[in-house]
Amino acid sequence: METIRVVVWGENVHEQENEIVRSIYPRGMHTVIAEGLETNPGFTVGTATLQEPEHGLSENRLAETDVLIWWGHKAHGEVADEIVDRVQKRVLEGMGLIALHSAHYSKIFKRLMGTTCSLTWREAGEKERVWVCNPGHPIAAGIDRYFEVEQSEMYGEPFAIPPAEEQVFISWYEGGEVFRSGCCWRRGAGKIFYFGPGHETYPIYYDKMVQRVIANAVRWAKPEGLWIDSCPQIPAHEAPEKIEVKGPRLHKDTDEGYR
């Protein structure tokens, strides 16, 4: 069986500062998400947090990661730009990225979307009904027409993201709002999935349907190959067909490519 190497990245701030969050996730949300994934055969799962050196995301760690799961909220600004550059590079090369809940405002998600990723919200403990709008999609495997989260934070439209390349879920809330809560994109060779449910003051990541969605997303987002971002110069004498160099030239032939 193919092994998918997963790293669950957690900001790990609310769990340390807020007693309600700590009572629900005493070892951190990232730990609960990771433990839910570990029940799936073929997954090798580790965790990383903001507080670790290099936020737990060294170049070697990322090179050995197939899918990175990201949860952040309070400390988006504390994530070093160097690490954001590093994660973006790996996504373009083929690493999958799953952004959960308030990671819509993370540096890496906004970087990859190219938009503000703003939305409307309300913290009122309302029911969230997550509707499957693409039942044939791999991320929706094993899920009926919808499932419900008994208490959730409302995220609503407008959601300032590029149009999803594949829309998997749309959520409805008791207050009447709707939200594009399950969206897929590709950037370079990498796949990106955003999933809305996951507010820190509710035990959402213990929910079996939420765990199933995340596990399905890991399988979908795994790399399909490796693409290296480079811009090599192909000299005329290396062209597939023989050609004659004509006209003025700005660049000389070089093994270093374009700089």
C-alpha atoms as a PDB file:
ATOM      1  CA  MET A   1       0.000   0.000   0.000  1.00  0.00           C
ATOM      2  CA  GLU A   2       1.245   3.478  -0.890  1.00  0.00           C
ATOM      3  CA  THR A   3       2.268   5.555   2.116  1.00  0.00           C
ATOM      4  CA  ILE A   4       1.132   9.182   2.289  1.00  0.00           C
ATOM      5  CA  ARG A   5       3.296  11.329   4.554  1.00  0.00           C
ATOM      6  CA  VAL A   6       1.192  13.944   6.345  1.00  0.00           C
ATOM      7  CA  VAL A   7       2.183  16.826   8.622  1.00  0.00           C
ATOM      8  CA  VAL A   8      -0.539  18.561  10.654  1.00  0.00           C
ATOM      9  CA  TRP A   9       0.553  22.123  11.405  1.00  0.00           C
ATOM     10  CA  GLY A  10      -1.147  23.862  14.311  1.00  0.00           C
ATOM     11  CA  GLU A  11      -0.765  27.397  15.545  1.00  0.00           C
ATOM     12  CA  ASN A  12      -1.163  26.029  19.096  1.00  0.00           C
ATOM     13  CA  VAL A  13      -1.903  29.405  20.702  1.00  0.00           C
ATOM     14  CA  HIS A  14      -5.558  29.227  21.779  1.00  0.00           C
ATOM     15  CA  GLU A  15      -4.920  25.850  23.424  1.00  0.00           C
ATOM     16  CA  GLN A  16      -2.303  27.470  25.652  1.00  0.00           C
ATOM     17  CA  GLU A  17      -4.094  30.745  26.391  1.00  0.00           C
ATOM     18  CA  ASN A  18      -7.808  29.895  26.572  1.00  0.00           C
ATOM     19  CA  GLU A  19      -9.225  27.555  29.211  1.00  0.00           C
ATOM     20  CA  ILE A  20     -12.261  26.584  27.103  1.00  0.00           C
ATOM     21  CA  VAL A  21     -10.109  25.563  24.146  1.00  0.00           C
ATOM     22  CA  ARG A  22      -7.640  23.785  26.439  1.00  0.00           C
ATOM     23  CA  SER A  23     -10.461  21.778  28.037  1.00  0.00           C
ATOM     24  CA  ILE A  24     -11.594  20.542  24.604  1.00  0.00           C
ATOM     25  CA  TYR A  25      -8.138  20.063  23.092  1.00  0.00           C
ATOM     26  CA  PRO A  26      -5.736  19.573  26.037  1.00  0.00           C
ATOM     27  CA  ARG A  27      -2.962  18.374  23.717  1.00  0.00           C
ATOM     28  CA  GLY A  28      -3.813  20.763  20.907  1.00  0.00           C
ATOM     29  CA  MET A  29      -6.108  20.673  17.919  1.00  0.00           C
ATOM     30  CA  HIS A  30      -3.231  19.477  15.769  1.00  0.00           C
ATOM     31  CA  THR A  31      -2.922  16.354  17.926  1.00  0.00           C
ATOM     32  CA  VAL A  32      -6.625  15.478  17.589  1.00  0.00           C
ATOM     33  CA  ILE A  33      -6.527  16.000  13.814  1.00  0.00           C
ATOM     34  CA  ALA A  34      -3.401  13.845  13.580  1.00  0.00           C
ATOM     35  CA  GLU A  35      -4.900  11.064  15.714  1.00  0.00           C
ATOM     36  CA  GLY A  36      -7.986  11.007  13.513  1.00  0.00           C
ATOM     37  CA  LEU A  37      -5.792  10.549  10.452  1.00  0.00           C
ATOM     38  CA  GLU A  38      -3.683   7.835  12.065  1.00  0.00           C
ATOM     39  CA  THR A  39      -6.675   5.474  12.016  1.00  0.00           C
ATOM     40  CA  ASN A  40      -6.398   5.361   8.207  1.00  0.00           C
ATOM     41  CA  PRO A  41      -4.142   2.687   6.717  1.00  0.00           C
ATOM     42  CA  GLY A  42      -1.352   4.042   4.594  1.00  0.00           C
ATOM     43  CA  PHE A  43      -0.977   7.360   6.416  1.00  0.00           C
ATOM     44  CA  THR A  44       2.211   8.342   8.237  1.00  0.00           C
ATOM     45  CA  VAL A  45       1.271  11.350  10.347  1.00  0.00           C
ATOM     46  CA  GLY A  46       3.343  13.897  12.253  1.00  0.00           C
ATOM     47  CA  THR A  47       2.681  17.330  13.739  1.00  0.00           C
ATOM     48  CA  ALA A  48       4.380  20.717  13.803  1.00  0.00           C
ATOM     49  CA  THR A  49       3.575  23.959  15.622  1.00  0.00           C
ATOM     50  CA  LEU A  50       4.296  27.655  15.426  1.00  0.00           C
ATOM     51  CA  GLN A  51       6.488  27.527  18.531  1.00  0.00           C
ATOM     52  CA  GLU A  52       9.032  25.048  17.148  1.00  0.00           C
ATOM     53  CA  PRO A  53      12.255  26.161  15.424  1.00  0.00           C
ATOM     54  CA  GLU A  54      11.364  27.094  11.828  1.00  0.00           C
ATOM     55  CA  HIS A  55       7.754  26.476  12.934  1.00  0.00           C
ATOM     56  CA  GLY A  56       8.513  22.775  12.610  1.00  0.00           C
ATOM     57  CA  LEU A  57       8.763  23.163   8.838  1.00  0.00           C
ATOM     58  CA  SER A  58      12.415  22.868   7.934  1.00  0.00           C
ATOM     59  CA  GLU A  59      13.371  22.335   4.311  1.00  0.00           C
ATOM     60  CA  ASN A  60      14.109  18.678   5.034  1.00  0.00           C
ATOM     61  CA  ARG A  61      10.772  18.184   6.811  1.00  0.00           C
ATOM     62  CA  LEU A  62       8.828  19.705   3.944  1.00  0.00           C
ATOM     63  CA  ALA A  63      10.811  17.705   1.378  1.00  0.00           C
ATOM     64  CA  GLU A  64       9.544  14.564   3.129  1.00  0.00           C
ATOM     65  CA  THR A  65       5.916  15.767   3.328  1.00  0.00           C
ATOM     66  CA  ASP A  66       3.272  14.730   0.796  1.00  0.00           C
ATOM     67  CA  VAL A  67       0.360  16.666   2.319  1.00  0.00           C
ATOM     68  CA  LEU A  68       0.496  19.582   4.768  1.00  0.00           C
ATOM     69  CA  ILE A  69      -2.578  20.418   6.863  1.00  0.00           C
ATOM     70  CA  TRP A  70      -2.715  23.980   8.223  1.00  0.00           C
ATOM     71  CA  TRP A  71      -4.733  25.424  11.129  1.00  0.00           C
ATOM     72  CA  GLY A  72      -4.110  28.990  12.261  1.00  0.00           C
ATOM     73  CA  HIS A  73      -6.105  31.888  13.677  1.00  0.00           C
ATOM     74  CA  LYS A  74      -4.674  34.279  16.240  1.00  0.00           C
ATOM     75  CA  ALA A  75      -1.036  34.355  15.170  1.00  0.00           C
ATOM     76  CA  HIS A  76      -1.090  34.489  11.365  1.00  0.00           C
ATOM     77  CA  GLY A  77       1.298  37.433  11.476  1.00  0.00           C
ATOM     78  CA  GLU A  78       3.845  35.508  13.541  1.00  0.00           C
ATOM     79  CA  VAL A  79       4.496  33.018  10.754  1.00  0.00           C
ATOM     80  CA  ALA A  80       7.823  33.925   9.191  1.00  0.00           C
ATOM     81  CA  ASP A  81       7.706  34.934   5.540  1.00  0.00           C
ATOM     82  CA  GLU A  82      10.677  32.648   4.895  1.00  0.00           C
ATOM     83  CA  ILE A  83       8.545  29.671   5.933  1.00  0.00           C
ATOM     84  CA  VAL A  84       5.654  30.860   3.774  1.00  0.00           C
ATOM     85  CA  ASP A  85       8.026  31.039   0.790  1.00  0.00           C
ATOM     86  CA  ARG A  86       9.241  27.541   1.604  1.00  0.00           C
ATOM     87  CA  VAL A  87       5.730  26.067   1.810  1.00  0.00           C
ATOM     88  CA  GLN A  88       4.637  27.815  -1.388  1.00  0.00           C
ATOM     89  CA  LYS A  89       7.619  26.370  -3.222  1.00  0.00           C
ATOM     90  CA  ARG A  90       6.717  22.858  -2.077  1.00  0.00           C
ATOM     91  CA  VAL A  91       3.076  23.278  -3.100  1.00  0.00           C
ATOM     92  CA  LEU A  92       4.137  24.378  -6.569  1.00  0.00           C
ATOM     93  CA  GLU A  93       6.397  21.324  -6.730  1.00  0.00           C
ATOM     94  CA  GLY A  94       3.480  19.020  -5.894  1.00  0.00           C
ATOM     95  CA  MET A  95       2.892  18.890  -2.124  1.00  0.00           C
ATOM     96  CA  GLY A  96      -0.784  18.999  -1.189  1.00  0.00           C
ATOM     97  CA  LEU A  97      -2.113  21.704   1.170  1.00  0.00           C
ATOM     98  CA  ILE A  98      -5.296  21.456   3.238  1.00  0.00           C
ATOM     99  CA  ALA A  99      -6.320  24.749   4.878  1.00  0.00           C
ATOM    100  CA  LEU A 100      -8.746  24.354   7.765  1.00  0.00           C
ATOM    101  CA  HIS A 101     -11.269  26.884   9.098  1.00  0.00           C
ATOM    102  CA  SER A 102      -9.538  30.175   9.997  1.00  0.00           C
ATOM    103  CA  ALA A 103      -6.530  29.245   7.879  1.00  0.00           C
ATOM    104  CA  HIS A 104      -8.425  31.140   5.179  1.00  0.00           C
ATOM    105  CA  TYR A 105      -6.577  34.184   6.571  1.00  0.00           C
ATOM    106  CA  SER A 106      -3.182  32.485   6.840  1.00  0.00           C
ATOM    107  CA  LYS A 107      -0.287  33.977   4.927  1.00  0.00           C
ATOM    108  CA  ILE A 108       0.215  30.842   2.874  1.00  0.00           C
ATOM    109  CA  PHE A 109      -3.435  30.499   1.829  1.00  0.00           C
ATOM    110  CA  LYS A 110      -3.751  34.161   0.851  1.00  0.00           C
ATOM    111  CA  ARG A 111      -0.463  33.913  -1.028  1.00  0.00           C
ATOM    112  CA  LEU A 112      -1.658  30.934  -3.041  1.00  0.00           C
ATOM    113  CA  MET A 113      -5.118  32.395  -3.679  1.00  0.00           C
ATOM    114  CA  GLY A 114      -3.859  35.873  -4.587  1.00  0.00           C
ATOM    115  CA  THR A 115      -6.865  37.502  -2.872  1.00  0.00           C
ATOM    116  CA  THR A 116      -7.778  38.819   0.594  1.00  0.00           C
ATOM    117  CA  CYS A 117      -9.796  35.667   1.458  1.00  0.00           C
ATOM    118  CA  SER A 118     -12.076  37.745   3.700  1.00  0.00           C
ATOM    119  CA  LEU A 119     -15.536  36.515   4.743  1.00  0.00           C
ATOM    120  CA  THR A 120     -18.418  37.269   7.109  1.00  0.00           C
ATOM    121  CA  TRP A 121     -18.626  35.462  10.452  1.00  0.00           C
ATOM    122  CA  ARG A 122     -20.547  35.055  13.691  1.00  0.00           C
ATOM    123  CA  GLU A 123     -19.716  33.063  16.835  1.00  0.00           C
ATOM    124  CA  ALA A 124     -23.092  31.896  18.140  1.00  0.00           C
ATOM    125  CA  GLY A 125     -22.826  28.122  18.411  1.00  0.00           C
ATOM    126  CA  GLU A 126     -25.282  27.523  15.569  1.00  0.00           C
ATOM    127  CA  LYS A 127     -25.853  24.316  13.686  1.00  0.00           C
ATOM    128  CA  GLU A 128     -23.954  23.958  10.429  1.00  0.00           C
ATOM    129  CA  ARG A 129     -25.353  21.730   7.698  1.00  0.00           C
ATOM    130  CA  VAL A 130     -22.635  20.772   5.249  1.00  0.00           C
ATOM    131  CA  TRP A 131     -24.187  19.925   1.880  1.00  0.00           C
ATOM    132  CA  VAL A 132     -22.416  17.742  -0.662  1.00  0.00           C
ATOM    133  CA  CYS A 133     -22.643  19.491  -4.024  1.00  0.00           C
ATOM    134  CA  ASN A 134     -20.285  17.163  -5.910  1.00  0.00           C
ATOM    135  CA  PRO A 135     -21.113  13.615  -4.745  1.00  0.00           C
ATOM    136  CA  GLY A 136     -18.715  12.036  -7.226  1.00  0.00           C
ATOM    137  CA  HIS A 137     -15.713  13.905  -5.895  1.00  0.00           C
ATOM    138  CA  PRO A 138     -13.141  11.814  -3.961  1.00  0.00           C
ATOM    139  CA  ILE A 139     -13.299  14.204  -0.976  1.00  0.00           C
ATOM    140  CA  ALA A 140     -17.035  13.471  -0.643  1.00  0.00           C
ATOM    141  CA  ALA A 141     -16.554   9.677  -0.634  1.00  0.00           C
ATOM    142  CA  GLY A 142     -18.654   7.909   1.986  1.00  0.00           C
ATOM    143  CA  ILE A 143     -20.753  10.996   2.778  1.00  0.00           C
ATOM    144  CA  ASP A 144     -24.520  11.214   2.216  1.00  0.00           C
ATOM    145  CA  ARG A 145     -26.294  14.301   0.866  1.00  0.00           C
ATOM    146  CA  TYR A 146     -25.204  16.279   3.907  1.00  0.00           C
ATOM    147  CA  PHE A 147     -23.918  16.030   7.453  1.00  0.00           C
ATOM    148  CA  GLU A 148     -24.396  18.353  10.402  1.00  0.00           C
ATOM    149  CA  VAL A 149     -22.105  19.949  12.959  1.00  0.00           C
ATOM    150  CA  GLU A 150     -24.209  20.707  16.026  1.00  0.00           C
ATOM    151  CA  GLN A 151     -22.265  23.803  17.108  1.00  0.00           C
ATOM    152  CA  SER A 152     -20.154  25.821  14.725  1.00  0.00           C
ATOM    153  CA  GLU A 153     -18.939  29.328  13.995  1.00  0.00           C
ATOM    154  CA  MET A 154     -20.797  30.865  11.078  1.00  0.00           C
ATOM    155  CA  TYR A 155     -18.655  31.656   8.064  1.00  0.00           C
ATOM    156  CA  GLY A 156     -20.652  33.362   5.345  1.00  0.00           C
ATOM    157  CA  GLU A 157     -20.574  34.950   1.932  1.00  0.00           C
ATOM    158  CA  PRO A 158     -19.086  36.897   0.342  1.00  0.00           C
ATOM    159  CA  PHE A 159     -15.928  34.802   0.569  1.00  0.00           C
ATOM    160  CA  ALA A 160     -13.139  36.669  -1.244  1.00  0.00           C
ATOM    161  CA  ILE A 161     -11.451  33.719  -2.948  1.00  0.00           C
ATOM    162  CA  PRO A 162     -10.923  32.864  -6.609  1.00  0.00           C
ATOM    163  CA  PRO A 163     -13.730  30.696  -7.980  1.00  0.00           C
ATOM    164  CA  ALA A 164     -13.158  27.126  -6.878  1.00  0.00           C
ATOM    165  CA  GLU A 165     -11.960  24.803  -9.599  1.00  0.00           C
ATOM    166  CA  GLU A 166     -14.018  22.097  -7.878  1.00  0.00           C
ATOM    167  CA  GLN A 167     -16.764  22.904  -5.363  1.00  0.00           C
ATOM    168  CA  VAL A 168     -17.280  19.956  -3.016  1.00  0.00           C
ATOM    169  CA  PHE A 169     -19.313  21.376  -0.102  1.00  0.00           C
ATOM    170  CA  ILE A 170     -21.606  24.301   0.638  1.00  0.00           C
ATOM    171  CA  SER A 171     -22.677  24.996   4.236  1.00  0.00           C
ATOM    172  CA  TRP A 172     -25.924  26.398   5.629  1.00  0.00           C
ATOM    173  CA  TYR A 173     -26.244  27.834   9.142  1.00  0.00           C
ATOM    174  CA  GLU A 174     -29.188  28.269  11.503  1.00  0.00           C
ATOM    175  CA  GLY A 175     -29.035  32.024  11.050  1.00  0.00           C
ATOM    176  CA  GLY A 176     -29.676  31.594   7.334  1.00  0.00           C
ATOM    177  CA  GLU A 177     -26.256  32.277   5.815  1.00  0.00           C
ATOM    178  CA  VAL A 178     -24.562  29.978   3.326  1.00  0.00           C
ATOM    179  CA  PHE A 179     -20.845  29.499   2.680  1.00  0.00           C
ATOM    180  CA  ARG A 180     -18.599  27.761   0.156  1.00  0.00           C
ATOM    181  CA  SER A 181     -17.077  25.501   2.800  1.00  0.00           C
ATOM    182  CA  GLY A 182     -15.261  22.938   0.651  1.00  0.00           C
ATOM    183  CA  CYS A 183     -13.208  24.242  -2.277  1.00  0.00           C
ATOM    184  CA  CYS A 184     -10.410  22.828  -4.434  1.00  0.00           C
ATOM    185  CA  TRP A 185      -7.710  24.469  -6.533  1.00  0.00           C
ATOM    186  CA  ARG A 186      -4.424  23.573  -8.203  1.00  0.00           C
ATOM    187  CA  ARG A 187      -1.332  25.734  -8.040  1.00  0.00           C
ATOM    188  CA  GLY A 188       1.607  24.492 -10.069  1.00  0.00           C
ATOM    189  CA  ALA A 189       1.686  20.725  -9.486  1.00  0.00           C
ATOM    190  CA  GLY A 190       0.093  20.993  -6.025  1.00  0.00           C
ATOM    191  CA  LYS A 191      -3.517  20.535  -4.960  1.00  0.00           C
ATOM    192  CA  ILE A 192      -5.189  22.793  -2.388  1.00  0.00           C
ATOM    193  CA  PHE A 193      -8.366  22.093  -0.410  1.00  0.00           C
ATOM    194  CA  TYR A 194     -10.086  24.554   1.930  1.00  0.00           C
ATOM    195  CA  PHE A 195     -12.516  23.144   4.512  1.00  0.00           C
ATOM    196  CA  GLY A 196     -14.604  25.448   6.701  1.00  0.00           C
ATOM    197  CA  PRO A 197     -15.745  23.636   9.898  1.00  0.00           C
ATOM    198  CA  GLY A 198     -13.271  23.760  12.788  1.00  0.00           C
ATOM    199  CA  HIS A 199     -13.815  26.585  15.288  1.00  0.00           C
ATOM    200  CA  GLU A 200     -11.619  26.150  18.346  1.00  0.00           C
ATOM    201  CA  THR A 201     -14.294  26.451  21.067  1.00  0.00           C
ATOM    202  CA  TYR A 202     -16.286  23.468  19.744  1.00  0.00           C
ATOM    203  CA  PRO A 203     -15.147  19.802  19.553  1.00  0.00           C
ATOM    204  CA  ILE A 204     -15.474  19.701  15.770  1.00  0.00           C
ATOM    205  CA  TYR A 205     -12.279  17.777  15.040  1.00  0.00           C
ATOM    206  CA  TYR A 206     -13.569  14.812  17.057  1.00  0.00           C
ATOM    207  CA  ASP A 207     -16.529  14.525  14.661  1.00  0.00           C
ATOM    208  CA  LYS A 208     -16.253  11.354  12.554  1.00  0.00           C
ATOM    209  CA  MET A 209     -17.628  12.980   9.412  1.00  0.00           C
ATOM    210  CA  VAL A 210     -15.202  15.882   9.700  1.00  0.00           C
ATOM    211  CA  GLN A 211     -12.381  13.378  10.178  1.00  0.00           C
ATOM    212  CA  ARG A 212     -13.556  11.503   7.085  1.00  0.00           C
ATOM    213  CA  VAL A 213     -13.514  14.667   4.986  1.00  0.00           C
ATOM    214  CA  ILE A 214      -9.965  15.479   6.072  1.00  0.00           C
ATOM    215  CA  ALA A 215      -8.778  11.923   5.395  1.00  0.00           C
ATOM    216  CA  ASN A 216     -10.448  11.952   1.969  1.00  0.00           C
ATOM    217  CA  ALA A 217      -8.790  15.279   1.260  1.00  0.00           C
ATOM    218  CA  VAL A 218      -5.375  13.864   2.141  1.00  0.00           C
ATOM    219  CA  ARG A 219      -5.835  11.049  -0.381  1.00  0.00           C
ATOM    220  CA  TRP A 220      -6.994  13.528  -3.033  1.00  0.00           C
ATOM    221  CA  ALA A 221      -4.191  16.028  -2.377  1.00  0.00           C
ATOM    222  CA  LYS A 222      -1.278  13.603  -2.426  1.00  0.00           C
ATOM    223  CA  PRO A 223       1.351  14.455  -5.055  1.00  0.00           C
ATOM    224  CA  GLU A 224       0.937  13.124  -8.578  1.00  0.00           C
ATOM    225  CA  GLY A 225       4.502  13.937  -9.549  1.00  0.00           C
ATOM    226  CA  LEU A 226       7.298  16.414  -8.906  1.00  0.00           C
ATOM    227  CA  TRP A 227       7.686  19.660 -10.791  1.00  0.00           C
ATOM    228  CA  ILE A 228      10.770  21.804 -10.221  1.00  0.00           C
ATOM    229  CA  ASP A 229      10.310  25.536 -10.734  1.00  0.00           C
ATOM    230  CA  SER A 230      13.158  26.662 -12.999  1.00  0.00           C
ATOM    231  CA  CYS A 231      13.654  28.717 -16.123  1.00  0.00           C
ATOM    232  CA  PRO A 232      16.438  27.041 -18.129  1.00  0.00           C
ATOM    233  CA  GLN A 233      17.800  28.455 -21.334  1.00  0.00           C
ATOM    234  CA  ILE A 234      17.701  26.020 -24.261  1.00  0.00           C
ATOM    235  CA  PRO A 235      20.471  27.031 -26.690  1.00  0.00           C
ATOM    236  CA  ALA A 236      19.725  26.928 -30.405  1.00  0.00           C
ATOM    237  CA  HIS A 237      22.022  23.956 -30.942  1.00  0.00           C
ATOM    238  CA  GLU A 238      19.936  21.945 -28.442  1.00  0.00           C
ATOM    239  CA  ALA A 239      16.590  22.612 -30.146  1.00  0.00           C
ATOM    240  CA  PRO A 240      14.698  19.449 -31.159  1.00  0.00           C
ATOM    241  CA  GLU A 241      14.854  20.626 -34.778  1.00  0.00           C
ATOM    242  CA  LYS A 242      17.885  22.263 -36.418  1.00  0.00           C
ATOM    243  CA  ILE A 243      17.483  26.056 -36.502  1.00  0.00           C
ATOM    244  CA  GLU A 244      19.582  29.054 -37.515  1.00  0.00           C
ATOM    245  CA  VAL A 245      20.009  31.902 -35.054  1.00  0.00           C
ATOM    246  CA  LYS A 246      18.650  35.073 -36.644  1.00  0.00           C
ATOM    247  CA  GLY A 247      18.366  38.671 -35.523  1.00  0.00           C
ATOM    248  CA  PRO A 248      19.890  40.531 -32.577  1.00  0.00           C
ATOM    249  CA  ARG A 249      20.263  38.775 -29.214  1.00  0.00           C
ATOM    250  CA  LEU A 250      20.007  40.121 -25.695  1.00  0.00           C
ATOM    251  CA  HIS A 251      21.236  36.948 -23.954  1.00  0.00           C
ATOM    252  CA  LYS A 252      24.297  34.816 -24.513  1.00  0.00           C
ATOM    253  CA  ASP A 253      24.202  31.028 -24.395  1.00  0.00           C
ATOM    254  CA  THR A 254      24.818  29.901 -20.827  1.00  0.00           C
ATOM    255  CA  ASP A 255      24.400  26.780 -18.752  1.00  0.00           C
ATOM    256  CA  GLU A 256      22.932  28.885 -15.954  1.00  0.00           C
ATOM    257  CA  GLY A 257      19.719  29.718 -17.781  1.00  0.00           C
ATOM    258  CA  TYR A 258      17.783  32.973 -17.426  1.00  0.00           C
ATOM    259  CA  ARG A 259      18.590  35.213 -14.424  1.00  0.00           C
END
